[in-house]
Every structure is written in structure tokens, then in C-alpha cells.
């Protein structure tokens, strides 16, 4: 799944990714959720300049099941610090 999500190029692709991720969360394969998937999603949102759109996904653990590792969390924090969004 992470390999497929690495090809996200537009914000429309992000919407499709959110839908896929929401449905994937309720499958048996979601038990073997890899940290690389979260890292891939974080990179996609940051590369497309949609970091504010990523926050609700990270907050809704039940619906999306995204848990940040140290690397992904540092990428997000760095992006917000560069933009001076300390809120």
C-alpha cells in the first residue's frame, strides 16, 4: 500500500488516499500496518503543501489509525516551525 501511495501528485490524489486509508483501517491487513505508510503519507502532504489538511487525519486515530514515528513527527514539526505556526 505504501508503494502505491508514493505516487500521489495532486490534491485530488490526496482525497482518494484519505478514502483508501479510511477503508483500509477496517480490513484485517490493517493489523500489520507499517510505519513506512505513515511516513509516506506525511511526505505526500508536506510535498503538496497540505500540512494543515493532515492534522485531522493524525488526530482521528480510530478512523485512520495513523501513529507518528520519530522521523515523521520531526518532519511535521519542522514544517510548522519553518512557517512560524506555533499554535
Protein backbone atom coordinates (compact mmCIF):
# COMPACT_ATOMS: atom_id res chain seq x y z
CA UNK A 1 0.00 0.00 0.00
CA UNK A 2 2.84 2.40 0.79
CA UNK A 3 4.31 1.89 -2.68
CA UNK A 4 1.01 2.88 -4.29
CA UNK A 5 0.61 5.92 -2.07
CA UNK A 6 4.07 7.15 -3.02
CA UNK A 7 2.70 8.17 -6.43
CA UNK A 8 0.41 10.91 -5.11
CA UNK A 9 0.88 14.00 -7.27
CA UNK A 10 -2.20 16.22 -6.81
CA UNK A 11 -4.56 17.27 -4.05
CA UNK A 12 -7.26 15.14 -5.71
CA UNK A 13 -4.98 12.16 -5.20
CA UNK A 14 -4.79 13.10 -1.51
CA UNK A 15 -8.57 12.92 -1.22
CA UNK A 16 -8.52 9.47 -2.80
CA UNK A 17 -5.71 8.48 -0.42
CA UNK A 18 -7.79 9.55 2.58
CA UNK A 19 -10.71 7.45 1.35
CA UNK A 20 -8.50 4.41 0.77
CA UNK A 21 -6.87 4.80 4.16
CA UNK A 22 -10.22 5.09 5.90
CA UNK A 23 -11.45 1.87 4.27
CA UNK A 24 -8.14 0.08 4.80
CA UNK A 25 -8.37 0.76 8.52
CA UNK A 26 -11.27 -1.71 8.83
CA UNK A 27 -9.60 -4.61 6.99
CA UNK A 28 -7.65 -7.48 8.58
CA UNK A 29 -4.49 -6.28 6.81
CA UNK A 30 -4.55 -3.11 8.91
CA UNK A 31 -3.20 -5.14 11.83
CA UNK A 32 0.14 -5.27 10.01
CA UNK A 33 0.25 -1.51 9.48
CA UNK A 34 3.81 -0.47 8.63
CA UNK A 35 5.37 2.78 9.88
CA UNK A 36 6.53 3.42 6.32
CA UNK A 37 2.91 4.09 5.36
CA UNK A 38 2.63 6.95 7.83
CA UNK A 39 5.98 8.35 6.69
CA UNK A 40 4.85 8.14 3.06
CA UNK A 41 1.62 9.99 3.83
CA UNK A 42 3.43 12.70 5.78
CA UNK A 43 5.86 13.22 2.89
CA UNK A 44 2.98 13.45 0.39
CA UNK A 45 1.09 16.06 2.41
CA UNK A 46 4.22 18.12 3.02
CA UNK A 47 5.37 17.92 -0.61
CA UNK A 48 1.97 19.16 -1.80
CA UNK A 49 1.82 21.92 0.82
CA UNK A 50 -1.22 20.45 2.57
CA UNK A 51 0.11 20.12 6.12
CA UNK A 52 -2.99 21.69 7.72
CA UNK A 53 -5.12 19.08 5.99
CA UNK A 54 -3.01 16.32 7.54
CA UNK A 55 -3.69 17.29 11.18
CA UNK A 56 -7.30 15.98 11.37
CA UNK A 57 -6.14 12.63 9.98
CA UNK A 58 -3.49 12.36 12.66
CA UNK A 59 -5.94 13.34 15.41
CA UNK A 60 -8.59 10.77 14.42
CA UNK A 61 -6.80 7.56 15.45
CA UNK A 62 -9.93 5.42 15.30
CA UNK A 63 -10.89 6.36 11.76
CA UNK A 64 -7.43 6.43 10.13
CA UNK A 65 -5.11 4.64 12.55
CA UNK A 66 -2.09 6.84 11.86
CA UNK A 67 0.60 6.91 14.52
CA UNK A 68 3.69 9.02 14.01
CA UNK A 69 7.18 7.69 14.42
CA UNK A 70 10.06 9.98 15.39
CA UNK A 71 11.03 10.75 11.81
CA UNK A 72 7.52 11.63 10.63
CA UNK A 73 6.85 13.73 13.72
CA UNK A 74 10.10 15.64 13.20
CA UNK A 75 9.20 16.34 9.56
CA UNK A 76 5.84 17.77 10.59
CA UNK A 77 7.25 19.83 13.46
CA UNK A 78 9.97 21.21 11.23
CA UNK A 79 7.46 22.21 8.54
CA UNK A 80 5.30 24.09 11.05
CA UNK A 81 8.30 25.75 12.71
CA UNK A 82 9.61 26.97 9.35
CA UNK A 83 6.20 28.54 8.63
CA UNK A 84 6.15 30.02 12.18
CA UNK A 85 2.87 28.27 13.04
CA UNK A 86 3.36 27.62 16.74
CA UNK A 87 -0.29 27.40 17.74
